[in-house]
N, C-alpha and C. Protein backbone atom coordinates (compact mmCIF):
# COMPACT_ATOMS: atom_id res chain seq x y z
N MET A 1 38.51 -9.19 51.18
CA MET A 1 38.65 -9.53 52.60
C MET A 1 38.17 -8.32 53.41
N ASN A 2 37.27 -8.56 54.36
CA ASN A 2 36.77 -7.40 55.10
C ASN A 2 37.78 -6.92 56.14
N GLN A 3 37.51 -5.79 56.69
CA GLN A 3 38.47 -5.12 57.56
C GLN A 3 38.71 -5.90 58.86
N ASP A 4 37.66 -6.50 59.45
CA ASP A 4 37.84 -7.25 60.69
C ASP A 4 38.75 -8.45 60.49
N LYS A 5 38.57 -9.17 59.38
CA LYS A 5 39.43 -10.33 59.09
C LYS A 5 40.88 -9.89 58.91
N GLU A 6 41.07 -8.76 58.26
CA GLU A 6 42.43 -8.26 58.05
C GLU A 6 43.07 -7.87 59.39
N HIS A 7 42.30 -7.25 60.27
CA HIS A 7 42.82 -6.89 61.60
C HIS A 7 43.19 -8.14 62.39
N LEU A 8 42.34 -9.16 62.33
CA LEU A 8 42.64 -10.40 63.04
C LEU A 8 43.90 -11.07 62.48
N ARG A 9 44.06 -11.03 61.17
CA ARG A 9 45.24 -11.63 60.55
C ARG A 9 46.51 -10.90 60.99
N LEU A 10 46.47 -9.57 60.99
CA LEU A 10 47.63 -8.79 61.43
C LEU A 10 47.92 -9.01 62.91
N LEU A 11 46.88 -9.06 63.73
CA LEU A 11 47.08 -9.32 65.15
C LEU A 11 47.70 -10.69 65.38
N ALA A 12 47.28 -11.68 64.61
CA ALA A 12 47.85 -13.02 64.76
C ALA A 12 49.34 -12.99 64.42
N ILE A 13 49.70 -12.30 63.36
CA ILE A 13 51.12 -12.20 62.98
C ILE A 13 51.92 -11.50 64.08
N PHE A 14 51.38 -10.41 64.62
CA PHE A 14 52.08 -9.70 65.68
C PHE A 14 52.17 -10.53 66.95
N HIS A 15 51.15 -11.36 67.21
CA HIS A 15 51.23 -12.27 68.36
C HIS A 15 52.37 -13.26 68.18
N TYR A 16 52.54 -13.76 66.96
CA TYR A 16 53.64 -14.69 66.71
C TYR A 16 54.99 -14.02 66.95
N VAL A 17 55.12 -12.77 66.53
CA VAL A 17 56.37 -12.04 66.73
C VAL A 17 56.63 -11.82 68.22
N VAL A 18 55.60 -11.38 68.95
CA VAL A 18 55.77 -11.13 70.39
C VAL A 18 56.02 -12.44 71.14
N ALA A 19 55.41 -13.53 70.69
CA ALA A 19 55.68 -14.83 71.32
C ALA A 19 57.14 -15.22 71.13
N GLY A 20 57.69 -14.96 69.95
CA GLY A 20 59.11 -15.23 69.72
C GLY A 20 60.00 -14.39 70.59
N LEU A 21 59.66 -13.10 70.74
CA LEU A 21 60.44 -12.23 71.62
C LEU A 21 60.34 -12.68 73.07
N ALA A 22 59.13 -13.09 73.49
CA ALA A 22 58.96 -13.56 74.87
C ALA A 22 59.77 -14.84 75.10
N ALA A 23 59.80 -15.72 74.11
CA ALA A 23 60.60 -16.95 74.24
C ALA A 23 62.09 -16.61 74.32
N LEU A 24 62.51 -15.64 73.52
CA LEU A 24 63.91 -15.23 73.55
C LEU A 24 64.28 -14.64 74.91
N PHE A 25 63.44 -13.72 75.41
CA PHE A 25 63.75 -13.08 76.68
C PHE A 25 63.59 -14.02 77.87
N SER A 26 62.86 -15.11 77.69
CA SER A 26 62.69 -16.04 78.82
C SER A 26 63.99 -16.80 79.12
N PHE A 27 64.97 -16.73 78.22
CA PHE A 27 66.25 -17.40 78.49
C PHE A 27 67.15 -16.60 79.42
N PHE A 28 66.88 -15.31 79.62
CA PHE A 28 67.72 -14.51 80.50
C PHE A 28 67.73 -14.98 81.95
N PRO A 29 66.61 -15.45 82.52
CA PRO A 29 66.69 -15.95 83.89
C PRO A 29 67.61 -17.16 84.07
N LEU A 30 67.96 -17.83 82.98
CA LEU A 30 68.91 -18.94 83.10
C LEU A 30 70.29 -18.44 83.49
N LEU A 31 70.56 -17.15 83.27
CA LEU A 31 71.82 -16.58 83.75
C LEU A 31 71.88 -16.63 85.28
N TYR A 32 70.73 -16.39 85.92
CA TYR A 32 70.68 -16.49 87.38
C TYR A 32 70.93 -17.93 87.84
N SER A 33 70.39 -18.87 87.09
CA SER A 33 70.64 -20.27 87.44
C SER A 33 72.12 -20.60 87.29
N THR A 34 72.76 -20.05 86.27
CA THR A 34 74.19 -20.27 86.09
C THR A 34 74.99 -19.66 87.22
N ILE A 35 74.63 -18.44 87.61
CA ILE A 35 75.31 -17.79 88.75
C ILE A 35 75.10 -18.62 90.01
N GLY A 36 73.88 -19.14 90.18
CA GLY A 36 73.62 -20.00 91.34
C GLY A 36 74.45 -21.26 91.31
N GLY A 37 74.66 -21.81 90.13
CA GLY A 37 75.53 -22.99 90.01
C GLY A 37 76.96 -22.67 90.41
N PHE A 38 77.46 -21.50 90.00
CA PHE A 38 78.80 -21.09 90.40
C PHE A 38 78.88 -20.88 91.91
N MET A 39 77.83 -20.30 92.48
CA MET A 39 77.81 -20.09 93.94
C MET A 39 77.78 -21.42 94.68
N LEU A 40 77.03 -22.36 94.13
CA LEU A 40 76.96 -23.69 94.73
C LEU A 40 78.32 -24.38 94.65
N TYR A 41 78.97 -24.24 93.52
CA TYR A 41 80.31 -24.81 93.36
C TYR A 41 81.29 -24.18 94.35
N ALA A 42 81.19 -22.84 94.51
CA ALA A 42 82.09 -22.13 95.42
C ALA A 42 81.84 -22.53 96.87
N ALA A 43 80.58 -22.86 97.19
CA ALA A 43 80.27 -23.25 98.57
C ALA A 43 80.89 -24.60 98.91
N HIS A 44 81.02 -25.47 97.94
CA HIS A 44 81.56 -26.81 98.21
C HIS A 44 83.06 -26.92 97.92
N HIS A 45 83.64 -25.95 97.25
CA HIS A 45 85.07 -25.95 96.92
C HIS A 45 85.67 -24.59 97.30
N PRO A 46 86.00 -24.41 98.57
CA PRO A 46 86.55 -23.11 98.98
C PRO A 46 87.90 -22.87 98.31
N GLY A 47 88.20 -21.60 98.09
CA GLY A 47 89.44 -21.20 97.42
C GLY A 47 90.63 -21.26 98.38
N PRO A 48 91.80 -20.90 97.86
CA PRO A 48 93.01 -20.96 98.69
C PRO A 48 93.06 -19.86 99.74
N THR A 49 92.27 -18.80 99.56
CA THR A 49 92.29 -17.72 100.55
C THR A 49 91.45 -18.13 101.75
N ASN A 50 91.53 -17.35 102.80
CA ASN A 50 90.79 -17.64 104.02
C ASN A 50 89.40 -17.03 104.03
N GLN A 51 88.88 -16.65 102.85
CA GLN A 51 87.55 -16.08 102.79
C GLN A 51 86.51 -17.18 102.97
N GLU A 52 85.43 -16.80 103.64
CA GLU A 52 84.35 -17.77 103.86
C GLU A 52 83.50 -17.86 102.60
N PRO A 53 83.25 -19.08 102.09
CA PRO A 53 82.44 -19.22 100.88
C PRO A 53 80.97 -18.91 101.17
N PRO A 54 80.20 -18.57 100.14
CA PRO A 54 78.78 -18.30 100.36
C PRO A 54 78.06 -19.58 100.76
N PRO A 55 76.98 -19.45 101.55
CA PRO A 55 76.24 -20.66 101.92
C PRO A 55 75.61 -21.31 100.68
N ALA A 56 75.46 -22.60 100.71
CA ALA A 56 74.94 -23.35 99.57
C ALA A 56 73.49 -22.99 99.27
N ILE A 57 72.74 -22.61 100.30
CA ILE A 57 71.32 -22.29 100.10
C ILE A 57 71.14 -21.10 99.16
N VAL A 58 72.08 -20.16 99.18
CA VAL A 58 71.99 -19.00 98.29
C VAL A 58 72.10 -19.45 96.84
N GLY A 59 73.00 -20.37 96.57
CA GLY A 59 73.12 -20.91 95.22
C GLY A 59 71.86 -21.63 94.77
N TRP A 60 71.28 -22.41 95.68
CA TRP A 60 70.05 -23.12 95.34
C TRP A 60 68.89 -22.16 95.08
N ILE A 61 68.83 -21.08 95.86
CA ILE A 61 67.78 -20.08 95.64
C ILE A 61 67.92 -19.47 94.24
N PHE A 62 69.14 -19.13 93.85
CA PHE A 62 69.36 -18.57 92.51
C PHE A 62 68.98 -19.58 91.43
N ILE A 63 69.34 -20.84 91.62
CA ILE A 63 69.04 -21.87 90.62
C ILE A 63 67.54 -22.06 90.48
N VAL A 64 66.85 -22.19 91.61
CA VAL A 64 65.40 -22.45 91.57
C VAL A 64 64.64 -21.25 91.01
N LEU A 65 64.97 -20.04 91.47
CA LEU A 65 64.26 -18.86 90.96
C LEU A 65 64.53 -18.65 89.47
N GLY A 66 65.76 -18.86 89.03
CA GLY A 66 66.07 -18.74 87.61
C GLY A 66 65.29 -19.74 86.78
N ALA A 67 65.20 -20.98 87.25
CA ALA A 67 64.46 -22.01 86.54
C ALA A 67 62.96 -21.70 86.52
N LEU A 68 62.42 -21.22 87.64
CA LEU A 68 60.99 -20.90 87.69
C LEU A 68 60.64 -19.74 86.75
N PHE A 69 61.47 -18.70 86.74
CA PHE A 69 61.20 -17.58 85.85
C PHE A 69 61.37 -17.98 84.38
N PHE A 70 62.31 -18.88 84.11
CA PHE A 70 62.46 -19.39 82.74
C PHE A 70 61.21 -20.15 82.32
N LEU A 71 60.72 -21.03 83.18
CA LEU A 71 59.51 -21.80 82.84
C LEU A 71 58.29 -20.90 82.70
N ALA A 72 58.19 -19.89 83.55
CA ALA A 72 57.07 -18.95 83.44
C ALA A 72 57.15 -18.18 82.12
N GLY A 73 58.34 -17.78 81.72
CA GLY A 73 58.50 -17.07 80.46
C GLY A 73 58.16 -17.93 79.26
N VAL A 74 58.58 -19.19 79.29
CA VAL A 74 58.25 -20.10 78.19
C VAL A 74 56.75 -20.37 78.15
N ALA A 75 56.13 -20.54 79.32
CA ALA A 75 54.67 -20.76 79.37
C ALA A 75 53.93 -19.54 78.83
N MET A 76 54.41 -18.36 79.16
CA MET A 76 53.78 -17.14 78.65
C MET A 76 53.94 -17.04 77.15
N ALA A 77 55.11 -17.39 76.63
CA ALA A 77 55.34 -17.36 75.18
C ALA A 77 54.41 -18.34 74.47
N ILE A 78 54.22 -19.51 75.05
CA ILE A 78 53.33 -20.51 74.45
C ILE A 78 51.89 -20.00 74.47
N CYS A 79 51.48 -19.38 75.57
CA CYS A 79 50.11 -18.84 75.65
C CYS A 79 49.89 -17.72 74.64
N ILE A 80 50.89 -16.87 74.44
CA ILE A 80 50.77 -15.81 73.44
C ILE A 80 50.67 -16.41 72.05
N LEU A 81 51.44 -17.46 71.80
CA LEU A 81 51.38 -18.15 70.52
C LEU A 81 50.01 -18.77 70.28
N ILE A 82 49.45 -19.38 71.31
CA ILE A 82 48.11 -19.97 71.20
C ILE A 82 47.06 -18.88 70.98
N ALA A 83 47.23 -17.74 71.65
CA ALA A 83 46.29 -16.63 71.44
C ALA A 83 46.36 -16.13 70.00
N GLY A 84 47.56 -16.03 69.45
CA GLY A 84 47.70 -15.63 68.05
C GLY A 84 47.06 -16.63 67.11
N ARG A 85 47.24 -17.91 67.40
CA ARG A 85 46.62 -18.94 66.56
C ARG A 85 45.10 -18.89 66.69
N SER A 86 44.61 -18.61 67.88
CA SER A 86 43.16 -18.49 68.08
C SER A 86 42.59 -17.32 67.28
N LEU A 87 43.32 -16.21 67.27
CA LEU A 87 42.85 -15.06 66.50
C LEU A 87 42.87 -15.34 65.00
N SER A 88 43.88 -16.08 64.55
CA SER A 88 43.95 -16.36 63.11
C SER A 88 42.85 -17.32 62.66
N ARG A 89 42.39 -18.18 63.58
CA ARG A 89 41.31 -19.10 63.26
C ARG A 89 39.93 -18.55 63.62
N CYS A 90 39.89 -17.34 64.17
CA CYS A 90 38.63 -16.70 64.59
C CYS A 90 37.89 -17.55 65.62
N LYS A 91 38.61 -18.11 66.55
CA LYS A 91 38.04 -18.92 67.62
C LYS A 91 38.64 -18.48 68.95
N ARG A 92 38.01 -18.89 70.03
CA ARG A 92 38.48 -18.66 71.40
C ARG A 92 38.86 -17.19 71.63
N TYR A 93 37.92 -16.31 71.33
CA TYR A 93 38.17 -14.89 71.55
C TYR A 93 38.32 -14.57 73.03
N SER A 94 37.66 -15.32 73.88
CA SER A 94 37.77 -15.05 75.32
C SER A 94 39.19 -15.29 75.80
N PHE A 95 39.81 -16.38 75.33
CA PHE A 95 41.20 -16.66 75.70
C PHE A 95 42.12 -15.55 75.18
N ALA A 96 41.88 -15.14 73.94
CA ALA A 96 42.70 -14.08 73.36
C ALA A 96 42.51 -12.77 74.13
N LEU A 97 41.31 -12.52 74.60
CA LEU A 97 41.05 -11.30 75.37
C LEU A 97 41.76 -11.34 76.72
N VAL A 98 41.74 -12.49 77.39
CA VAL A 98 42.46 -12.63 78.67
C VAL A 98 43.96 -12.47 78.45
N MET A 99 44.47 -13.10 77.40
CA MET A 99 45.90 -12.99 77.11
C MET A 99 46.27 -11.55 76.74
N ALA A 100 45.37 -10.85 76.08
CA ALA A 100 45.63 -9.45 75.74
C ALA A 100 45.77 -8.60 77.00
N CYS A 101 44.95 -8.90 77.99
CA CYS A 101 45.06 -8.17 79.27
C CYS A 101 46.39 -8.47 79.95
N ILE A 102 46.81 -9.72 79.91
CA ILE A 102 48.09 -10.10 80.54
C ILE A 102 49.26 -9.52 79.75
N GLU A 103 49.14 -9.49 78.42
CA GLU A 103 50.21 -8.95 77.58
C GLU A 103 50.47 -7.48 77.87
N CYS A 104 49.48 -6.77 78.38
CA CYS A 104 49.66 -5.34 78.66
C CYS A 104 50.76 -5.11 79.70
N LEU A 105 51.13 -6.12 80.45
CA LEU A 105 52.19 -5.97 81.45
C LEU A 105 53.58 -5.89 80.82
N PHE A 106 53.72 -6.37 79.59
CA PHE A 106 55.02 -6.43 78.94
C PHE A 106 55.23 -5.19 78.07
N ILE A 107 55.85 -4.20 78.68
CA ILE A 107 56.06 -2.91 78.05
C ILE A 107 57.24 -3.02 77.09
N PRO A 108 57.26 -2.44 75.95
CA PRO A 108 56.29 -1.67 75.22
C PRO A 108 55.48 -2.50 74.23
N PHE A 109 56.07 -3.60 73.71
CA PHE A 109 55.40 -4.35 72.64
C PHE A 109 54.12 -5.01 73.12
N GLY A 110 54.16 -5.61 74.29
CA GLY A 110 52.98 -6.29 74.81
C GLY A 110 51.84 -5.33 75.10
N THR A 111 52.18 -4.13 75.55
CA THR A 111 51.13 -3.13 75.83
C THR A 111 50.43 -2.71 74.56
N ILE A 112 51.20 -2.41 73.54
CA ILE A 112 50.60 -2.00 72.26
C ILE A 112 49.76 -3.13 71.68
N LEU A 113 50.34 -4.33 71.66
CA LEU A 113 49.62 -5.48 71.11
C LEU A 113 48.40 -5.82 71.94
N GLY A 114 48.53 -5.75 73.26
CA GLY A 114 47.41 -6.08 74.15
C GLY A 114 46.24 -5.15 73.96
N VAL A 115 46.50 -3.85 73.86
CA VAL A 115 45.41 -2.89 73.69
C VAL A 115 44.71 -3.11 72.35
N CYS A 116 45.50 -3.31 71.29
CA CYS A 116 44.90 -3.55 69.97
C CYS A 116 44.10 -4.85 69.96
N ALA A 117 44.65 -5.89 70.58
CA ALA A 117 43.95 -7.18 70.62
C ALA A 117 42.68 -7.10 71.45
N GLU A 118 42.72 -6.33 72.54
CA GLU A 118 41.51 -6.16 73.34
C GLU A 118 40.41 -5.51 72.53
N ASN A 119 40.75 -4.49 71.77
CA ASN A 119 39.74 -3.80 70.96
C ASN A 119 39.14 -4.72 69.90
N VAL A 120 39.99 -5.43 69.18
CA VAL A 120 39.50 -6.29 68.11
C VAL A 120 38.76 -7.50 68.66
N ALA A 121 39.31 -8.15 69.69
CA ALA A 121 38.66 -9.34 70.24
C ALA A 121 37.36 -8.98 70.94
N ALA A 122 37.30 -7.82 71.58
CA ALA A 122 36.06 -7.41 72.23
C ALA A 122 34.98 -7.14 71.20
N LYS A 123 35.36 -6.53 70.08
CA LYS A 123 34.39 -6.25 69.03
C LYS A 123 33.90 -7.56 68.39
N ALA A 124 34.81 -8.50 68.19
CA ALA A 124 34.43 -9.77 67.57
C ALA A 124 33.65 -10.66 68.53
N ASN A 125 33.81 -10.43 69.83
CA ASN A 125 33.21 -11.30 70.85
C ASN A 125 31.98 -10.64 71.48
N GLU A 126 31.32 -9.75 70.79
CA GLU A 126 30.19 -9.01 71.34
C GLU A 126 29.06 -9.90 71.85
N PRO A 127 28.59 -10.91 71.11
CA PRO A 127 27.50 -11.75 71.64
C PRO A 127 27.89 -12.48 72.93
N ALA A 128 29.12 -12.96 72.99
CA ALA A 128 29.56 -13.66 74.20
C ALA A 128 29.64 -12.70 75.39
N ARG A 129 30.06 -11.47 75.14
CA ARG A 129 30.11 -10.49 76.23
C ARG A 129 28.73 -10.18 76.76
N ARG A 130 27.75 -10.09 75.86
CA ARG A 130 26.38 -9.83 76.31
C ARG A 130 25.86 -10.99 77.16
N ARG A 131 26.13 -12.22 76.71
CA ARG A 131 25.69 -13.39 77.50
C ARG A 131 26.36 -13.40 78.86
N LEU A 132 27.66 -13.09 78.90
CA LEU A 132 28.37 -13.06 80.17
C LEU A 132 27.81 -11.98 81.09
N ALA A 133 27.53 -10.81 80.54
CA ALA A 133 26.97 -9.72 81.35
C ALA A 133 25.61 -10.12 81.91
N MET A 134 24.79 -10.80 81.10
CA MET A 134 23.47 -11.25 81.58
C MET A 134 23.64 -12.27 82.70
N ARG A 135 24.61 -13.20 82.54
CA ARG A 135 24.85 -14.19 83.60
C ARG A 135 25.31 -13.54 84.89
N ILE A 136 26.18 -12.55 84.77
CA ILE A 136 26.68 -11.85 85.96
C ILE A 136 25.54 -11.10 86.64
N GLN A 137 24.71 -10.41 85.86
CA GLN A 137 23.58 -9.68 86.44
C GLN A 137 22.62 -10.65 87.12
N ARG A 138 22.34 -11.78 86.48
CA ARG A 138 21.44 -12.77 87.07
C ARG A 138 22.03 -13.32 88.37
N GLY A 139 23.35 -13.58 88.38
CA GLY A 139 24.00 -14.08 89.59
C GLY A 139 23.95 -13.08 90.72
N ILE A 140 24.19 -11.81 90.40
CA ILE A 140 24.13 -10.76 91.43
C ILE A 140 22.72 -10.64 91.97
N ARG A 141 21.73 -10.69 91.09
CA ARG A 141 20.34 -10.58 91.51
C ARG A 141 19.98 -11.75 92.44
N GLU A 142 20.39 -12.98 92.06
CA GLU A 142 20.09 -14.14 92.90
C GLU A 142 20.80 -14.03 94.24
N TYR A 143 22.05 -13.57 94.24
CA TYR A 143 22.79 -13.43 95.48
C TYR A 143 22.13 -12.41 96.39
N CYS A 144 21.70 -11.29 95.83
CA CYS A 144 21.05 -10.25 96.63
C CYS A 144 19.73 -10.75 97.21
N CYS A 145 18.97 -11.50 96.39
CA CYS A 145 17.70 -12.03 96.89
C CYS A 145 17.92 -13.00 98.03
N LYS A 146 18.95 -13.85 97.91
CA LYS A 146 19.26 -14.80 98.98
C LYS A 146 19.69 -14.08 100.24
N ALA A 147 20.47 -13.02 100.09
CA ALA A 147 20.92 -12.25 101.25
C ALA A 147 19.75 -11.56 101.93
N GLU A 148 18.81 -11.04 101.15
CA GLU A 148 17.63 -10.39 101.73
C GLU A 148 16.77 -11.41 102.47
N ASP A 149 16.59 -12.60 101.88
CA ASP A 149 15.81 -13.65 102.55
C ASP A 149 16.47 -14.07 103.84
N ALA A 150 17.76 -14.21 103.84
CA ALA A 150 18.48 -14.61 105.05
C ALA A 150 18.36 -13.53 106.12
N ALA A 151 18.39 -12.26 105.72
CA ALA A 151 18.27 -11.17 106.68
C ALA A 151 16.87 -11.13 107.28
N ARG A 152 15.85 -11.48 106.52
CA ARG A 152 14.48 -11.48 107.04
C ARG A 152 14.28 -12.61 108.02
N ARG A 153 14.92 -13.74 107.78
CA ARG A 153 14.72 -14.91 108.65
C ARG A 153 15.52 -14.84 109.94
N ARG A 154 16.51 -13.99 109.98
CA ARG A 154 17.37 -13.92 111.15
C ARG A 154 16.58 -13.31 112.32
N PRO A 155 16.56 -13.97 113.47
CA PRO A 155 15.83 -13.43 114.61
C PRO A 155 16.53 -12.19 115.17
N VAL A 156 15.73 -11.27 115.64
CA VAL A 156 16.26 -10.03 116.22
C VAL A 156 16.51 -10.27 117.70
N ARG A 157 17.71 -9.98 118.17
CA ARG A 157 18.05 -10.20 119.58
C ARG A 157 17.77 -8.92 120.37
N ALA A 158 17.29 -9.14 121.54
CA ALA A 158 17.08 -8.01 122.45
C ALA A 158 18.37 -7.72 123.18
N VAL A 159 18.67 -6.46 123.35
CA VAL A 159 19.93 -6.07 123.98
C VAL A 159 19.76 -5.93 125.46
């Protein structure tokens, strides 16, 4: 087995591990949703003391934000899992490269994994990077030519 295949296999395994950790940590925002539920309950059932209960909107904000962060965490875990599967199948290197850049935000494991995945996926995706660079250069050249043509056609106003 050559060295690149071995690196891809190891990266895929580490992606699976980080995806599991991301899925595990994505459950923590549900604590905020639980706190929001308690706040919502307290807003509708005041206690025996004369204290003013919290407004119901605060409870709803906690519930909604907790649920959104939970869903974002689960979506991120699924994307990391798909990136690991893509690396193990030696396909969709561009997706794995984008996910590696996003993984760098998750310190410390995501940063280490993201940098390693960027190096391996960039090396494996060399022909696609060259094609993309050529397309970008061609697009910039066409845009500049259009801008120059438009500037030549624009009438000069006398002041």
